[in-house]
Each structure stands twice: as C-alpha cells, then as structure tokens.
C-alpha cells in the first residue's frame, strides 16, 4: 500500500524538482482530497505562492470523523 501512495513522489525526488501537496476539497465520502504540484528547479517560491493562494480559496472543515489532539 505504501508503494501505491508514494508512486508519484519518486519522479520529483529523483530529478530534484520542488513539489508541494495542498488540500483542494472533499470527495463524496467526505474524505479530504489533495493536489500535488511539481515545479521547475529553483522555483520553490512560486509553488509556495500558488499553494497559499489556492488554500485561501478552499473550504476547510473538520472531517466527519474527527478526533481532537490529545492534551498532555
């Protein structure tokens, strides 16, 4: 299962391209959906600007099954 989840990470890691994953919404079962953006080398600042802009436009809410953090 881990190899299925990580299959899209390897190309960016091997080539040194910057990448970022951001939340973009929820599916029909209320599970969060993410988008991975891969940029050109040395364009981390552009990816961060895109991510901040997109996150500001997304509806973020608690998932149906929510467990608050454990207090220490």
PDB file of N, CA and C in Angstrom:
ATOM      1  N   UNK A   1       0.821  -1.189   0.000  1.00  0.00           N
ATOM      2  CA  UNK A   1       0.000   0.000   0.000  1.00  0.00           C
ATOM      3  C   UNK A   1       0.868   1.258   0.000  1.00  0.00           C
ATOM      4  N   UNK A   2       1.943   1.257   0.768  1.00  0.00           N
ATOM      5  CA  UNK A   2       2.809   2.439   0.815  1.00  0.00           C
ATOM      6  C   UNK A   2       3.393   2.744  -0.556  1.00  0.00           C
ATOM      7  N   UNK A   3       3.747   1.692  -1.295  1.00  0.00           N
ATOM      8  CA  UNK A   3       4.291   1.918  -2.633  1.00  0.00           C
ATOM      9  C   UNK A   3       3.242   2.546  -3.544  1.00  0.00           C
ATOM     10  N   UNK A   4       1.978   2.205  -3.357  1.00  0.00           N
ATOM     11  CA  UNK A   4       0.907   2.836  -4.141  1.00  0.00           C
ATOM     12  C   UNK A   4       0.789   4.320  -3.814  1.00  0.00           C
ATOM     13  N   UNK A   5       0.941   4.660  -2.549  1.00  0.00           N
ATOM     14  CA  UNK A   5       0.831   6.060  -2.134  1.00  0.00           C
ATOM     15  C   UNK A   5       2.032   6.893  -2.571  1.00  0.00           C
ATOM     16  N   UNK A   6       3.186   6.260  -2.624  1.00  0.00           N
ATOM     17  CA  UNK A   6       4.417   7.006  -2.898  1.00  0.00           C
ATOM     18  C   UNK A   6       4.824   6.994  -4.374  1.00  0.00           C
ATOM     19  N   UNK A   7       4.037   6.392  -5.255  1.00  0.00           N
ATOM     20  CA  UNK A   7       4.455   6.234  -6.645  1.00  0.00           C
ATOM     21  C   UNK A   7       4.617   7.558  -7.376  1.00  0.00           C
ATOM     22  N   UNK A   8       3.966   8.622  -6.930  1.00  0.00           N
ATOM     23  CA  UNK A   8       4.083   9.910  -7.602  1.00  0.00           C
ATOM     24  C   UNK A   8       5.168  10.796  -6.999  1.00  0.00           C
ATOM     25  N   UNK A   9       5.758  10.382  -5.900  1.00  0.00           N
ATOM     26  CA  UNK A   9       6.777  11.174  -5.223  1.00  0.00           C
ATOM     27  C   UNK A   9       8.152  10.972  -5.858  1.00  0.00           C
ATOM     28  N   UNK A  10       8.436   9.792  -6.313  1.00  0.00           N
ATOM     29  CA  UNK A  10       9.762   9.444  -6.819  1.00  0.00           C
ATOM     30  C   UNK A  10      10.253  10.323  -7.965  1.00  0.00           C
ATOM     31  N   UNK A  11       9.463  10.601  -9.004  1.00  0.00           N
ATOM     32  CA  UNK A  11      10.000  11.420 -10.104  1.00  0.00           C
ATOM     33  C   UNK A  11      10.535  12.777  -9.652  1.00  0.00           C
ATOM     34  N   UNK A  12       9.798  13.460  -8.801  1.00  0.00           N
ATOM     35  CA  UNK A  12      10.260  14.770  -8.332  1.00  0.00           C
ATOM     36  C   UNK A  12      11.500  14.618  -7.457  1.00  0.00           C
ATOM     37  N   UNK A  13      11.545  13.597  -6.629  1.00  0.00           N
ATOM     38  CA  UNK A  13      12.709  13.391  -5.772  1.00  0.00           C
ATOM     39  C   UNK A  13      13.963  13.069  -6.582  1.00  0.00           C
ATOM     40  N   UNK A  14      13.826  12.243  -7.587  1.00  0.00           N
ATOM     41  CA  UNK A  14      14.981  11.844  -8.390  1.00  0.00           C
ATOM     42  C   UNK A  14      15.526  12.993  -9.237  1.00  0.00           C
ATOM     43  N   UNK A  15      14.651  13.858  -9.710  1.00  0.00           N
ATOM     44  CA  UNK A  15      15.085  14.949 -10.581  1.00  0.00           C
ATOM     45  C   UNK A  15      15.395  16.232  -9.823  1.00  0.00           C
ATOM     46  N   UNK A  16      15.040  16.295  -8.551  1.00  0.00           N
ATOM     47  CA  UNK A  16      15.309  17.483  -7.755  1.00  0.00           C
ATOM     48  C   UNK A  16      14.300  18.600  -7.948  1.00  0.00           C
ATOM     49  N   UNK A  17      13.169  18.297  -8.562  1.00  0.00           N
ATOM     50  CA  UNK A  17      12.148  19.323  -8.763  1.00  0.00           C
ATOM     51  C   UNK A  17      11.406  19.588  -7.444  1.00  0.00           C
ATOM     52  N   UNK A  18      11.084  20.843  -7.159  1.00  0.00           N
ATOM     53  CA  UNK A  18      10.309  21.137  -5.953  1.00  0.00           C
ATOM     54  C   UNK A  18       8.860  20.678  -6.144  1.00  0.00           C
ATOM     55  N   UNK A  19       8.251  20.212  -5.081  1.00  0.00           N
ATOM     56  CA  UNK A  19       6.860  19.758  -5.141  1.00  0.00           C
ATOM     57  C   UNK A  19       6.165  20.112  -3.839  1.00  0.00           C
ATOM     58  N   UNK A  20       4.867  20.302  -3.922  1.00  0.00           N
ATOM     59  CA  UNK A  20       4.068  20.604  -2.736  1.00  0.00           C
ATOM     60  C   UNK A  20       2.700  19.959  -2.909  1.00  0.00           C
ATOM     61  N   UNK A  21       2.105  19.529  -1.823  1.00  0.00           N
ATOM     62  CA  UNK A  21       0.776  18.941  -1.833  1.00  0.00           C
ATOM     63  C   UNK A  21      -0.138  19.822  -0.998  1.00  0.00           C
ATOM     64  N   UNK A  22      -1.300  20.145  -1.542  1.00  0.00           N
ATOM     65  CA  UNK A  22      -2.230  21.033  -0.838  1.00  0.00           C
ATOM     66  C   UNK A  22      -3.625  20.426  -0.838  1.00  0.00           C
ATOM     67  N   UNK A  23      -4.442  20.720   0.194  1.00  0.00           N
ATOM     68  CA  UNK A  23      -5.821  20.233   0.214  1.00  0.00           C
ATOM     69  C   UNK A  23      -6.666  21.027  -0.786  1.00  0.00           C
ATOM     70  N   UNK A  24      -7.540  20.320  -1.523  1.00  0.00           N
ATOM     71  CA  UNK A  24      -8.376  21.011  -2.508  1.00  0.00           C
ATOM     72  C   UNK A  24      -9.870  20.746  -2.331  1.00  0.00           C
ATOM     73  N   UNK A  25     -10.246  19.959  -1.361  1.00  0.00           N
ATOM     74  CA  UNK A  25     -11.664  19.709  -1.140  1.00  0.00           C
ATOM     75  C   UNK A  25     -11.912  18.347  -0.530  1.00  0.00           C
ATOM     76  N   UNK A  26     -13.134  17.847  -0.769  1.00  0.00           N
ATOM     77  CA  UNK A  26     -13.567  16.589  -0.177  1.00  0.00           C
ATOM     78  C   UNK A  26     -14.304  15.764  -1.220  1.00  0.00           C
ATOM     79  N   UNK A  27     -14.198  14.433  -1.103  1.00  0.00           N
ATOM     80  CA  UNK A  27     -14.913  13.563  -2.031  1.00  0.00           C
ATOM     81  C   UNK A  27     -16.324  13.296  -1.514  1.00  0.00           C
ATOM     82  N   UNK A  28     -17.036  12.404  -2.183  1.00  0.00           N
ATOM     83  CA  UNK A  28     -18.425  12.102  -1.800  1.00  0.00           C
ATOM     84  C   UNK A  28     -18.550  11.496  -0.410  1.00  0.00           C
ATOM     85  N   UNK A  29     -17.476  10.857   0.045  1.00  0.00           N
ATOM     86  CA  UNK A  29     -17.498  10.243   1.376  1.00  0.00           C
ATOM     87  C   UNK A  29     -16.920  11.178   2.431  1.00  0.00           C
ATOM     88  N   UNK A  30     -16.752  12.451   2.082  1.00  0.00           N
ATOM     89  CA  UNK A  30     -16.219  13.473   2.988  1.00  0.00           C
ATOM     90  C   UNK A  30     -14.756  13.246   3.366  1.00  0.00           C
ATOM     91  N   UNK A  31     -14.038  12.494   2.534  1.00  0.00           N
ATOM     92  CA  UNK A  31     -12.611  12.302   2.764  1.00  0.00           C
ATOM     93  C   UNK A  31     -11.854  13.438   2.068  1.00  0.00           C
ATOM     94  N   UNK A  32     -10.781  13.941   2.687  1.00  0.00           N
ATOM     95  CA  UNK A  32     -10.040  15.043   2.064  1.00  0.00           C
ATOM     96  C   UNK A  32      -9.325  14.603   0.785  1.00  0.00           C
ATOM     97  N   UNK A  33      -9.269  15.515  -0.171  1.00  0.00           N
ATOM     98  CA  UNK A  33      -8.606  15.281  -1.446  1.00  0.00           C
ATOM     99  C   UNK A  33      -7.485  16.309  -1.577  1.00  0.00           C
ATOM    100  N   UNK A  34      -6.319  15.857  -2.043  1.00  0.00           N
ATOM    101  CA  UNK A  34      -5.180  16.754  -2.194  1.00  0.00           C
ATOM    102  C   UNK A  34      -4.706  16.851  -3.627  1.00  0.00           C
ATOM    103  N   UNK A  35      -3.940  17.879  -3.908  1.00  0.00           N
ATOM    104  CA  UNK A  35      -3.357  18.110  -5.223  1.00  0.00           C
ATOM    105  C   UNK A  35      -1.857  18.298  -5.051  1.00  0.00           C
ATOM    106  N   UNK A  36      -1.073  17.569  -5.830  1.00  0.00           N
ATOM    107  CA  UNK A  36       0.374  17.738  -5.784  1.00  0.00           C
ATOM    108  C   UNK A  36       0.801  18.568  -6.989  1.00  0.00           C
ATOM    109  N   UNK A  37       1.573  19.610  -6.733  1.00  0.00           N
ATOM    110  CA  UNK A  37       2.096  20.473  -7.788  1.00  0.00           C
ATOM    111  C   UNK A  37       3.602  20.294  -7.825  1.00  0.00           C
ATOM    112  N   UNK A  38       4.141  20.063  -9.003  1.00  0.00           N
ATOM    113  CA  UNK A  38       5.587  19.920  -9.188  1.00  0.00           C
ATOM    114  C   UNK A  38       6.049  21.065 -10.068  1.00  0.00           C
ATOM    115  N   UNK A  39       7.066  21.784  -9.607  1.00  0.00           N
ATOM    116  CA  UNK A  39       7.557  22.940 -10.340  1.00  0.00           C
ATOM    117  C   UNK A  39       8.892  22.702 -11.005  1.00  0.00           C
ATOM    118  N   UNK A  40       9.367  23.752 -11.640  1.00  0.00           N
ATOM    119  CA  UNK A  40      10.688  23.693 -12.261  1.00  0.00           C
ATOM    120  C   UNK A  40      11.747  23.873 -11.179  1.00  0.00           C
ATOM    121  N   UNK A  41      12.958  23.419 -11.437  1.00  0.00           N
ATOM    122  CA  UNK A  41      14.024  23.578 -10.440  1.00  0.00           C
ATOM    123  C   UNK A  41      14.186  25.042 -10.011  1.00  0.00           C
ATOM    124  N   UNK A  42      14.421  25.226  -8.741  1.00  0.00           N
ATOM    125  CA  UNK A  42      14.671  26.519  -8.103  1.00  0.00           C
ATOM    126  C   UNK A  42      13.458  27.443  -8.114  1.00  0.00           C
ATOM    127  N   UNK A  43      12.256  26.901  -8.240  1.00  0.00           N
ATOM    128  CA  UNK A  43      11.053  27.736  -8.204  1.00  0.00           C
ATOM    129  C   UNK A  43      10.157  27.402  -7.018  1.00  0.00           C
ATOM    130  N   UNK A  44      10.795  27.168  -5.876  1.00  0.00           N
ATOM    131  CA  UNK A  44      10.045  26.869  -4.663  1.00  0.00           C
ATOM    132  C   UNK A  44       9.130  28.023  -4.273  1.00  0.00           C
ATOM    133  N   UNK A  45       9.602  29.252  -4.430  1.00  0.00           N
ATOM    134  CA  UNK A  45       8.807  30.423  -4.048  1.00  0.00           C
ATOM    135  C   UNK A  45       7.509  30.485  -4.859  1.00  0.00           C
ATOM    136  N   UNK A  46       7.581  30.162  -6.138  1.00  0.00           N
ATOM    137  CA  UNK A  46       6.375  30.158  -6.969  1.00  0.00           C
ATOM    138  C   UNK A  46       5.387  29.106  -6.484  1.00  0.00           C
ATOM    139  N   UNK A  47       5.877  27.911  -6.166  1.00  0.00           N
ATOM    140  CA  UNK A  47       4.986  26.862  -5.660  1.00  0.00           C
ATOM    141  C   UNK A  47       4.332  27.276  -4.349  1.00  0.00           C
ATOM    142  N   UNK A  48       5.083  27.907  -3.480  1.00  0.00           N
ATOM    143  CA  UNK A  48       4.510  28.354  -2.200  1.00  0.00           C
ATOM    144  C   UNK A  48       3.447  29.425  -2.417  1.00  0.00           C
ATOM    145  N   UNK A  49       3.670  30.346  -3.352  1.00  0.00           N
ATOM    146  CA  UNK A  49       2.662  31.374  -3.643  1.00  0.00           C
ATOM    147  C   UNK A  49       1.388  30.734  -4.198  1.00  0.00           C
ATOM    148  N   UNK A  50       1.540  29.768  -5.086  1.00  0.00           N
ATOM    149  CA  UNK A  50       0.379  29.064  -5.640  1.00  0.00           C
ATOM    150  C   UNK A  50      -0.381  28.347  -4.527  1.00  0.00           C
ATOM    151  N   UNK A  51       0.347  27.657  -3.659  1.00  0.00           N
ATOM    152  CA  UNK A  51      -0.287  26.906  -2.571  1.00  0.00           C
ATOM    153  C   UNK A  51      -1.038  27.827  -1.622  1.00  0.00           C
ATOM    154  N   UNK A  52      -0.438  28.930  -1.237  1.00  0.00           N
ATOM    155  CA  UNK A  52      -1.105  29.877  -0.325  1.00  0.00           C
ATOM    156  C   UNK A  52      -2.359  30.434  -0.982  1.00  0.00           C
ATOM    157  N   UNK A  53      -2.262  30.785  -2.249  1.00  0.00           N
ATOM    158  CA  UNK A  53      -3.411  31.328  -2.971  1.00  0.00           C
ATOM    159  C   UNK A  53      -4.538  30.306  -3.059  1.00  0.00           C
ATOM    160  N   UNK A  54      -4.224  29.070  -3.400  1.00  0.00           N
ATOM    161  CA  UNK A  54      -5.254  28.037  -3.536  1.00  0.00           C
ATOM    162  C   UNK A  54      -5.861  27.664  -2.191  1.00  0.00           C
ATOM    163  N   UNK A  55      -5.038  27.572  -1.149  1.00  0.00           N
ATOM    164  CA  UNK A  55      -5.568  27.215   0.173  1.00  0.00           C
ATOM    165  C   UNK A  55      -6.530  28.280   0.674  1.00  0.00           C
ATOM    166  N   UNK A  56      -6.284  29.544   0.318  1.00  0.00           N
ATOM    167  CA  UNK A  56      -7.180  30.615   0.729  1.00  0.00           C
ATOM    168  C   UNK A  56      -8.552  30.521   0.086  1.00  0.00           C
ATOM    169  N   UNK A  57      -8.660  29.820  -1.024  1.00  0.00           N
ATOM    170  CA  UNK A  57      -9.918  29.695  -1.751  1.00  0.00           C
ATOM    171  C   UNK A  57     -10.662  28.390  -1.443  1.00  0.00           C
ATOM    172  N   UNK A  58     -10.032  27.488  -0.709  1.00  0.00           N
ATOM    173  CA  UNK A  58     -10.635  26.186  -0.434  1.00  0.00           C
ATOM    174  C   UNK A  58     -11.462  26.217   0.842  1.00  0.00           C
ATOM    175  N   UNK A  59     -12.517  25.405   0.841  1.00  0.00           N
ATOM    176  CA  UNK A  59     -13.335  25.259   2.033  1.00  0.00           C
ATOM    177  C   UNK A  59     -12.687  24.198   2.924  1.00  0.00           C
ATOM    178  N   UNK A  60     -12.219  24.604   4.075  1.00  0.00           N
ATOM    179  CA  UNK A  60     -11.614  23.672   5.028  1.00  0.00           C
ATOM    180  C   UNK A  60     -12.583  23.471   6.185  1.00  0.00           C
ATOM    181  N   UNK A  61     -12.812  22.219   6.524  1.00  0.00           N
ATOM    182  CA  UNK A  61     -13.713  21.911   7.634  1.00  0.00           C
ATOM    183  C   UNK A  61     -13.249  20.631   8.305  1.00  0.00           C
ATOM    184  N   UNK A  62     -13.806  20.387   9.471  1.00  0.00           N
ATOM    185  CA  UNK A  62     -13.477  19.156  10.178  1.00  0.00           C
ATOM    186  C   UNK A  62     -14.053  17.969   9.428  1.00  0.00           C
ATOM    187  N   UNK A  63     -13.307  16.875   9.346  1.00  0.00           N
ATOM    188  CA  UNK A  63     -13.861  15.672   8.722  1.00  0.00           C
ATOM    189  C   UNK A  63     -15.002  15.109   9.551  1.00  0.00           C
ATOM    190  N   UNK A  64     -15.793  14.238   8.946  1.00  0.00           N
ATOM    191  CA  UNK A  64     -16.924  13.636   9.649  1.00  0.00           C
ATOM    192  C   UNK A  64     -16.445  12.920  10.905  1.00  0.00           C
ATOM    193  N   UNK A  65     -15.371  12.170  10.794  1.00  0.00           N
ATOM    194  CA  UNK A  65     -14.773  11.505  11.952  1.00  0.00           C
ATOM    195  C   UNK A  65     -13.606  12.383  12.384  1.00  0.00           C
ATOM    196  N   UNK A  66     -13.761  13.041  13.511  1.00  0.00           N
ATOM    197  CA  UNK A  66     -12.736  13.964  13.988  1.00  0.00           C
ATOM    198  C   UNK A  66     -12.351  13.619  15.411  1.00  0.00           C
ATOM    199  N   UNK A  67     -11.056  13.482  15.645  1.00  0.00           N
ATOM    200  CA  UNK A  67     -10.563  13.239  16.986  1.00  0.00           C
ATOM    201  C   UNK A  67      -9.658  14.397  17.366  1.00  0.00           C
ATOM    202  N   UNK A  68     -10.028  15.147  18.393  1.00  0.00           N
ATOM    203  CA  UNK A  68      -9.189  16.279  18.787  1.00  0.00           C
ATOM    204  C   UNK A  68      -7.820  15.803  19.289  1.00  0.00           C
ATOM    205  N   UNK A  69      -6.829  16.680  19.228  1.00  0.00           N
ATOM    206  CA  UNK A  69      -5.491  16.302  19.704  1.00  0.00           C
ATOM    207  C   UNK A  69      -5.517  15.930  21.193  1.00  0.00           C
ATOM    208  N   UNK A  70      -4.637  15.027  21.566  1.00  0.00           N
ATOM    209  CA  UNK A  70      -4.531  14.592  22.951  1.00  0.00           C
ATOM    210  C   UNK A  70      -3.791  15.664  23.753  1.00  0.00           C
ATOM    211  N   UNK A  71      -4.391  16.077  24.863  1.00  0.00           N
ATOM    212  CA  UNK A  71      -3.737  17.066  25.728  1.00  0.00           C
ATOM    213  C   UNK A  71      -2.742  16.360  26.630  1.00  0.00           C
ATOM    214  N   UNK A  72      -1.581  16.969  26.787  1.00  0.00           N
ATOM    215  CA  UNK A  72      -0.552  16.347  27.626  1.00  0.00           C
ATOM    216  C   UNK A  72      -0.506  17.006  28.969  1.00  0.00           C
TER     217      UNK A  72
END
